[in-house]
PDB file of N, CA and C in Angstrom:
ATOM      1  N   MET A   1      -0.296 -16.040  34.503  1.00  0.00           N
ATOM      2  CA  MET A   1       0.773 -15.159  34.100  1.00  0.00           C
ATOM      3  C   MET A   1       0.736 -15.099  32.593  1.00  0.00           C
ATOM      4  N   LEU A   2       0.690 -16.180  31.862  1.00  0.00           N
ATOM      5  CA  LEU A   2       0.651 -16.120  30.415  1.00  0.00           C
ATOM      6  C   LEU A   2      -0.589 -15.482  29.851  1.00  0.00           C
ATOM      7  N   GLY A   3      -1.732 -15.651  30.534  1.00  0.00           N
ATOM      8  CA  GLY A   3      -3.036 -15.057  30.133  1.00  0.00           C
ATOM      9  C   GLY A   3      -2.902 -13.552  30.220  1.00  0.00           C
ATOM     10  N   VAL A   4      -2.346 -13.048  31.298  1.00  0.00           N
ATOM     11  CA  VAL A   4      -2.167 -11.656  31.401  1.00  0.00           C
ATOM     12  C   VAL A   4      -1.296 -10.993  30.359  1.00  0.00           C
ATOM     13  N   LEU A   5      -0.163 -11.693  30.005  1.00  0.00           N
ATOM     14  CA  LEU A   5       0.661 -11.201  28.981  1.00  0.00           C
ATOM     15  C   LEU A   5      -0.035 -11.157  27.581  1.00  0.00           C
ATOM     16  N   LEU A   6      -0.804 -12.221  27.338  1.00  0.00           N
ATOM     17  CA  LEU A   6      -1.537 -12.349  26.086  1.00  0.00           C
ATOM     18  C   LEU A   6      -2.611 -11.168  25.962  1.00  0.00           C
ATOM     19  N   LYS A   7      -3.288 -10.887  27.053  1.00  0.00           N
ATOM     20  CA  LYS A   7      -4.235  -9.776  27.119  1.00  0.00           C
ATOM     21  C   LYS A   7      -3.563  -8.495  26.814  1.00  0.00           C
ATOM     22  N   LYS A   8      -2.396  -8.273  27.436  1.00  0.00           N
ATOM     23  CA  LYS A   8      -1.659  -7.010  27.205  1.00  0.00           C
ATOM     24  C   LYS A   8      -1.177  -6.905  25.731  1.00  0.00           C
ATOM     25  N   LEU A   9      -0.785  -8.050  25.199  1.00  0.00           N
ATOM     26  CA  LEU A   9      -0.339  -8.070  23.833  1.00  0.00           C
ATOM     27  C   LEU A   9      -1.471  -7.751  22.938  1.00  0.00           C
ATOM     28  N   MET A  10      -2.673  -8.331  23.103  1.00  0.00           N
ATOM     29  CA  MET A  10      -3.846  -8.057  22.273  1.00  0.00           C
ATOM     30  C   MET A  10      -4.236  -6.547  22.405  1.00  0.00           C
ATOM     31  N   GLU A  11      -4.180  -5.994  23.620  1.00  0.00           N
ATOM     32  CA  GLU A  11      -4.508  -4.595  23.798  1.00  0.00           C
ATOM     33  C   GLU A  11      -3.522  -3.694  22.934  1.00  0.00           C
ATOM     34  N   MET A  12      -2.248  -4.049  23.050  1.00  0.00           N
ATOM     35  CA  MET A  12      -1.162  -3.281  22.246  1.00  0.00           C
ATOM     36  C   MET A  12      -1.479  -3.409  20.740  1.00  0.00           C
ATOM     37  N   LEU A  13      -1.794  -4.605  20.322  1.00  0.00           N
ATOM     38  CA  LEU A  13      -2.088  -4.772  18.904  1.00  0.00           C
ATOM     39  C   LEU A  13      -3.293  -3.905  18.438  1.00  0.00           C
ATOM     40  N   LYS A  14      -4.313  -3.899  19.307  1.00  0.00           N
ATOM     41  CA  LYS A  14      -5.502  -3.169  18.981  1.00  0.00           C
ATOM     42  C   LYS A  14      -5.164  -1.592  18.923  1.00  0.00           C
ATOM     43  N   VAL A  15      -4.256  -1.157  19.757  1.00  0.00           N
ATOM     44  CA  VAL A  15      -3.898   0.245  19.823  1.00  0.00           C
ATOM     45  C   VAL A  15      -3.017   0.720  18.694  1.00  0.00           C
ATOM     46  N   TYR A  16      -1.971  -0.156  18.428  1.00  0.00           N
ATOM     47  CA  TYR A  16      -0.956   0.194  17.451  1.00  0.00           C
ATOM     48  C   TYR A  16      -1.051  -0.392  16.047  1.00  0.00           C
ATOM     49  N   VAL A  17      -1.692  -1.520  15.863  1.00  0.00           N
ATOM     50  CA  VAL A  17      -1.776  -2.146  14.619  1.00  0.00           C
ATOM     51  C   VAL A  17      -3.125  -1.942  13.944  1.00  0.00           C
ATOM     52  N   LEU A  18      -4.151  -1.937  14.645  1.00  0.00           N
ATOM     53  CA  LEU A  18      -5.501  -1.820  14.042  1.00  0.00           C
ATOM     54  C   LEU A  18      -5.697  -0.643  13.243  1.00  0.00           C
ATOM     55  N   PRO A  19      -5.323   0.618  13.712  1.00  0.00           N
ATOM     56  CA  PRO A  19      -5.488   1.780  12.823  1.00  0.00           C
ATOM     57  C   PRO A  19      -4.780   1.683  11.561  1.00  0.00           C
ATOM     58  N   TYR A  20      -3.511   1.119  11.546  1.00  0.00           N
ATOM     59  CA  TYR A  20      -2.764   0.998  10.285  1.00  0.00           C
ATOM     60  C   TYR A  20      -3.423  -0.076   9.384  1.00  0.00           C
ATOM     61  N   TYR A  21      -3.900  -1.117   9.979  1.00  0.00           N
ATOM     62  CA  TYR A  21      -4.527  -2.155   9.218  1.00  0.00           C
ATOM     63  C   TYR A  21      -5.810  -1.615   8.476  1.00  0.00           C
ATOM     64  N   LYS A  22      -6.493  -0.733   9.104  1.00  0.00           N
ATOM     65  CA  LYS A  22      -7.652  -0.146   8.432  1.00  0.00           C
ATOM     66  C   LYS A  22      -7.220   0.829   7.273  1.00  0.00           C
ATOM     67  N   ILE A  23      -6.163   1.528   7.475  1.00  0.00           N
ATOM     68  CA  ILE A  23      -5.663   2.400   6.428  1.00  0.00           C
ATOM     69  C   ILE A  23      -5.192   1.589   5.221  1.00  0.00           C
ATOM     70  N   VAL A  24      -4.436   0.597   5.562  1.00  0.00           N
ATOM     71  CA  VAL A  24      -3.988  -0.312   4.364  1.00  0.00           C
ATOM     72  C   VAL A  24      -5.093  -1.011   3.696  1.00  0.00           C
ATOM     73  N   LYS A  25      -6.114  -1.388   4.454  1.00  0.00           N
ATOM     74  CA  LYS A  25      -7.256  -2.081   3.808  1.00  0.00           C
ATOM     75  C   LYS A  25      -8.024  -1.097   2.948  1.00  0.00           C
ATOM     76  N   GLU A  26      -8.218   0.118   3.348  1.00  0.00           N
ATOM     77  CA  GLU A  26      -8.899   1.087   2.500  1.00  0.00           C
ATOM     78  C   GLU A  26      -7.996   1.405   1.217  1.00  0.00           C
ATOM     79  N   PHE A  27      -6.697   1.490   1.369  1.00  0.00           N
ATOM     80  CA  PHE A  27      -5.864   1.783   0.259  1.00  0.00           C
ATOM     81  C   PHE A  27      -5.910   0.666  -0.744  1.00  0.00           C
ATOM     82  N   VAL A  28      -5.934  -0.595  -0.293  1.00  0.00           N
ATOM     83  CA  VAL A  28      -6.104  -1.695  -1.179  1.00  0.00           C
ATOM     84  C   VAL A  28      -7.407  -1.694  -1.966  1.00  0.00           C
ATOM     85  N   LYS A  29      -8.447  -1.313  -1.235  1.00  0.00           N
ATOM     86  CA  LYS A  29      -9.740  -1.150  -1.843  1.00  0.00           C
ATOM     87  C   LYS A  29      -9.722  -0.140  -3.017  1.00  0.00           C
ATOM     88  N   THR A  30      -8.964   0.883  -2.907  1.00  0.00           N
ATOM     89  CA  THR A  30      -8.989   1.964  -3.942  1.00  0.00           C
ATOM     90  C   THR A  30      -7.915   1.645  -5.028  1.00  0.00           C
ATOM     91  N   LYS A  31      -7.626   0.422  -5.322  1.00  0.00           N
ATOM     92  CA  LYS A  31      -6.693   0.008  -6.362  1.00  0.00           C
ATOM     93  C   LYS A  31      -5.257   0.309  -6.035  1.00  0.00           C
ATOM     94  N   GLY A  32      -4.925   0.570  -4.729  1.00  0.00           N
ATOM     95  CA  GLY A  32      -3.572   0.899  -4.410  1.00  0.00           C
ATOM     96  C   GLY A  32      -2.653  -0.279  -4.471  1.00  0.00           C
ATOM     97  N   PHE A  33      -3.160  -1.477  -4.331  1.00  0.00           N
ATOM     98  CA  PHE A  33      -2.347  -2.710  -4.351  1.00  0.00           C
ATOM     99  C   PHE A  33      -1.656  -2.784  -5.706  1.00  0.00           C
ATOM    100  N   THR A  34      -2.369  -2.555  -6.784  1.00  0.00           N
ATOM    101  CA  THR A  34      -1.809  -2.656  -8.097  1.00  0.00           C
ATOM    102  C   THR A  34      -0.654  -1.671  -8.314  1.00  0.00           C
ATOM    103  N   ALA A  35      -0.840  -0.480  -7.716  1.00  0.00           N
ATOM    104  CA  ALA A  35       0.153   0.535  -7.822  1.00  0.00           C
ATOM    105  C   ALA A  35       1.438   0.170  -7.052  1.00  0.00           C
ATOM    106  N   LEU A  36       1.157  -0.419  -5.851  1.00  0.00           N
ATOM    107  CA  LEU A  36       2.382  -0.825  -5.099  1.00  0.00           C
ATOM    108  C   LEU A  36       3.161  -1.972  -5.710  1.00  0.00           C
ATOM    109  N   VAL A  37       2.382  -2.918  -6.384  1.00  0.00           N
ATOM    110  CA  VAL A  37       3.066  -3.973  -7.064  1.00  0.00           C
ATOM    111  C   VAL A  37       3.761  -3.471  -8.237  1.00  0.00           C
ATOM    112  N   ALA A  38       3.300  -2.458  -8.982  1.00  0.00           N
ATOM    113  CA  ALA A  38       3.967  -1.903 -10.096  1.00  0.00           C
ATOM    114  C   ALA A  38       5.267  -1.143  -9.668  1.00  0.00           C
ATOM    115  N   LEU A  39       5.108  -0.479  -8.565  1.00  0.00           N
ATOM    116  CA  LEU A  39       6.306   0.232  -7.999  1.00  0.00           C
ATOM    117  C   LEU A  39       7.415  -0.758  -7.653  1.00  0.00           C
ATOM    118  N   ALA A  40       7.096  -1.796  -6.952  1.00  0.00           N
ATOM    119  CA  ALA A  40       8.070  -2.850  -6.595  1.00  0.00           C
ATOM    120  C   ALA A  40       8.612  -3.533  -7.782  1.00  0.00           C
ATOM    121  N   PHE A  41       7.827  -3.844  -8.735  1.00  0.00           N
ATOM    122  CA  PHE A  41       8.245  -4.420 -10.001  1.00  0.00           C
ATOM    123  C   PHE A  41       9.192  -3.546 -10.771  1.00  0.00           C
ATOM    124  N   GLY A  42       8.854  -2.277 -10.914  1.00  0.00           N
ATOM    125  CA  GLY A  42       9.726  -1.247 -11.568  1.00  0.00           C
ATOM    126  C   GLY A  42      11.038  -1.111 -10.862  1.00  0.00           C
ATOM    127  N   SER A  43      11.013  -1.094  -9.526  1.00  0.00           N
ATOM    128  CA  SER A  43      12.210  -0.977  -8.750  1.00  0.00           C
ATOM    129  C   SER A  43      13.162  -2.083  -8.896  1.00  0.00           C
ATOM    130  N   ILE A  44      12.619  -3.328  -8.866  1.00  0.00           N
ATOM    131  CA  ILE A  44      13.446  -4.524  -9.001  1.00  0.00           C
ATOM    132  C   ILE A  44      14.058  -4.579 -10.406  1.00  0.00           C
ATOM    133  N   LEU A  45      13.266  -4.209 -11.425  1.00  0.00           N
ATOM    134  CA  LEU A  45      13.824  -4.301 -12.764  1.00  0.00           C
ATOM    135  C   LEU A  45      14.872  -3.228 -12.971  1.00  0.00           C
ATOM    136  N   LEU A  46      14.723  -2.083 -12.351  1.00  0.00           N
ATOM    137  CA  LEU A  46      15.810  -1.009 -12.482  1.00  0.00           C
ATOM    138  C   LEU A  46      17.007  -1.494 -11.812  1.00  0.00           C
ATOM    139  N   LEU A  47      16.901  -2.076 -10.656  1.00  0.00           N
ATOM    140  CA  LEU A  47      18.074  -2.566  -9.939  1.00  0.00           C
ATOM    141  C   LEU A  47      18.757  -3.689 -10.621  1.00  0.00           C
ATOM    142  N   MET A  48      18.031  -4.435 -11.362  1.00  0.00           N
ATOM    143  CA  MET A  48      18.655  -5.585 -12.107  1.00  0.00           C
ATOM    144  C   MET A  48      19.238  -5.096 -13.464  1.00  0.00           C
ATOM    145  N   GLY A  49      19.024  -3.814 -13.869  1.00  0.00           N
ATOM    146  CA  GLY A  49      19.621  -3.292 -15.043  1.00  0.00           C
ATOM    147  C   GLY A  49      18.713  -3.347 -16.281  1.00  0.00           C
ATOM    148  N   TYR A  50      17.467  -3.339 -16.080  1.00  0.00           N
ATOM    149  CA  TYR A  50      16.471  -3.251 -17.191  1.00  0.00           C
ATOM    150  C   TYR A  50      15.666  -1.980 -17.138  1.00  0.00           C
ATOM    151  N   PRO A  51      16.328  -0.880 -17.618  1.00  0.00           N
ATOM    152  CA  PRO A  51      15.651   0.437 -17.413  1.00  0.00           C
ATOM    153  C   PRO A  51      14.390   0.565 -18.239  1.00  0.00           C
ATOM    154  N   PHE A  52      14.281   0.085 -19.402  1.00  0.00           N
ATOM    155  CA  PHE A  52      13.031   0.261 -20.163  1.00  0.00           C
ATOM    156  C   PHE A  52      11.817  -0.448 -19.591  1.00  0.00           C
ATOM    157  N   ILE A  53      11.990  -1.693 -19.244  1.00  0.00           N
ATOM    158  CA  ILE A  53      10.841  -2.400 -18.620  1.00  0.00           C
ATOM    159  C   ILE A  53      10.570  -1.893 -17.228  1.00  0.00           C
ATOM    160  N   GLY A  54      11.600  -1.489 -16.495  1.00  0.00           N
ATOM    161  CA  GLY A  54      11.353  -0.857 -15.175  1.00  0.00           C
ATOM    162  C   GLY A  54      10.622   0.448 -15.350  1.00  0.00           C
ATOM    163  N   GLY A  55      10.905   1.206 -16.403  1.00  0.00           N
ATOM    164  CA  GLY A  55      10.081   2.415 -16.662  1.00  0.00           C
ATOM    165  C   GLY A  55       8.622   2.127 -16.852  1.00  0.00           C
ATOM    166  N   ILE A  56       8.357   1.047 -17.563  1.00  0.00           N
ATOM    167  CA  ILE A  56       6.948   0.611 -17.769  1.00  0.00           C
ATOM    168  C   ILE A  56       6.273   0.365 -16.402  1.00  0.00           C
ATOM    169  N   GLY A  57       7.002  -0.268 -15.526  1.00  0.00           N
ATOM    170  CA  GLY A  57       6.464  -0.543 -14.157  1.00  0.00           C
ATOM    171  C   GLY A  57       6.180   0.736 -13.398  1.00  0.00           C
ATOM    172  N   PHE A  58       7.103   1.746 -13.579  1.00  0.00           N
ATOM    173  CA  PHE A  58       6.846   3.025 -12.941  1.00  0.00           C
ATOM    174  C   PHE A  58       5.684   3.783 -13.527  1.00  0.00           C
ATOM    175  N   GLY A  59       5.546   3.588 -14.895  1.00  0.00           N
ATOM    176  CA  GLY A  59       4.415   4.279 -15.540  1.00  0.00           C
ATOM    177  C   GLY A  59       3.100   3.721 -15.105  1.00  0.00           C
ATOM    178  N   VAL A  60       2.949   2.383 -14.817  1.00  0.00           N
ATOM    179  CA  VAL A  60       1.770   1.840 -14.304  1.00  0.00           C
ATOM    180  C   VAL A  60       1.596   2.401 -12.924  1.00  0.00           C
ATOM    181  N   PHE A  61       2.620   2.441 -12.120  1.00  0.00           N
ATOM    182  CA  PHE A  61       2.511   3.035 -10.731  1.00  0.00           C
ATOM    183  C   PHE A  61       1.964   4.439 -10.704  1.00  0.00           C
ATOM    184  N   PHE A  62       2.515   5.304 -11.586  1.00  0.00           N
ATOM    185  CA  PHE A  62       2.055   6.673 -11.583  1.00  0.00           C
ATOM    186  C   PHE A  62       0.605   6.837 -12.246  1.00  0.00           C
ATOM    187  N   SER A  63       0.346   5.980 -13.182  1.00  0.00           N
ATOM    188  CA  SER A  63      -1.050   6.108 -13.759  1.00  0.00           C
ATOM    189  C   SER A  63      -2.124   5.626 -12.696  1.00  0.00           C
ATOM    190  N   LYS A  64      -1.766   4.559 -11.954  1.00  0.00           N
ATOM    191  CA  LYS A  64      -2.672   4.071 -10.897  1.00  0.00           C
ATOM    192  C   LYS A  64      -2.828   5.132  -9.802  1.00  0.00           C
ATOM    193  N   ASN A  65      -1.791   5.825  -9.431  1.00  0.00           N
ATOM    194  CA  ASN A  65      -1.832   6.821  -8.337  1.00  0.00           C
ATOM    195  C   ASN A  65      -2.623   8.005  -8.848  1.00  0.00           C
ATOM    196  N   THR A  66      -2.560   8.381 -10.174  1.00  0.00           N
ATOM    197  CA  THR A  66      -3.381   9.450 -10.608  1.00  0.00           C
ATOM    198  C   THR A  66      -4.847   9.109 -10.541  1.00  0.00           C
ATOM    199  N   GLU A  67      -5.196   7.788 -10.873  1.00  0.00           N
ATOM    200  CA  GLU A  67      -6.535   7.371 -10.778  1.00  0.00           C
ATOM    201  C   GLU A  67      -7.056   7.492  -9.372  1.00  0.00           C
ATOM    202  N   ILE A  68      -6.176   7.143  -8.371  1.00  0.00           N
ATOM    203  CA  ILE A  68      -6.560   7.170  -6.960  1.00  0.00           C
ATOM    204  C   ILE A  68      -6.780   8.586  -6.526  1.00  0.00           C
ATOM    205  N   ILE A  69      -5.907   9.540  -6.947  1.00  0.00           N
ATOM    206  CA  ILE A  69      -6.066  10.890  -6.584  1.00  0.00           C
ATOM    207  C   ILE A  69      -7.348  11.482  -7.200  1.00  0.00           C
ATOM    208  N   LYS A  70      -7.573  11.197  -8.477  1.00  0.00           N
ATOM    209  CA  LYS A  70      -8.717  11.629  -9.159  1.00  0.00           C
ATOM    210  C   LYS A  70     -10.033  11.182  -8.411  1.00  0.00           C
ATOM    211  N   GLU A  71     -10.058   9.892  -7.998  1.00  0.00           N
ATOM    212  CA  GLU A  71     -11.262   9.387  -7.251  1.00  0.00           C
ATOM    213  C   GLU A  71     -11.356  10.139  -5.926  1.00  0.00           C
ATOM    214  N   LEU A  72     -10.337  10.369  -5.295  1.00  0.00           N
ATOM    215  CA  LEU A  72     -10.437  11.083  -3.901  1.00  0.00           C
ATOM    216  C   LEU A  72     -10.963  12.460  -4.146  1.00  0.00           C
ATOM    217  N   ILE A  73     -10.500  13.170  -5.186  1.00  0.00           N
ATOM    218  CA  ILE A  73     -10.960  14.523  -5.421  1.00  0.00           C
ATOM    219  C   ILE A  73     -12.402  14.498  -5.795  1.00  0.00           C
ATOM    220  N   GLU A  74     -12.897  13.605  -6.593  1.00  0.00           N
ATOM    221  CA  GLU A  74     -14.301  13.474  -7.017  1.00  0.00           C
ATOM    222  C   GLU A  74     -15.210  13.146  -5.783  1.00  0.00           C
ATOM    223  N   ASP A  75     -14.659  12.366  -4.839  1.00  0.00           N
ATOM    224  CA  ASP A  75     -15.454  12.026  -3.665  1.00  0.00           C
ATOM    225  C   ASP A  75     -15.686  13.303  -2.767  1.00  0.00           C
ATOM    226  N   TYR A  76     -14.720  14.167  -2.645  1.00  0.00           N
ATOM    227  CA  TYR A  76     -14.815  15.363  -1.907  1.00  0.00           C
ATOM    228  C   TYR A  76     -15.577  16.540  -2.566  1.00  0.00           C
ATOM    229  N   MET A  77     -15.756  16.516  -3.855  1.00  0.00           N
ATOM    230  CA  MET A  77     -16.471  17.598  -4.519  1.00  0.00           C
ATOM    231  C   MET A  77     -17.876  17.271  -4.835  1.00  0.00           C
TER     232      MET A  77
END
């Protein structure tokens, strides 16, 4: 009984989680992790009342995203 449930759970994970895992893995490879950390850092600082330093975090986030978009465009051209 438990073996059948574990097999069904593994099948569900393969169907629902594996595609998202691959997308996240590729995003991290393209320097997306740094951008996400900067976004979180900037958001936390803004919520804590430090707008200047939070703005620096958002600036890093946007600059990393423009690098990612530029690389994607260069790959397709």
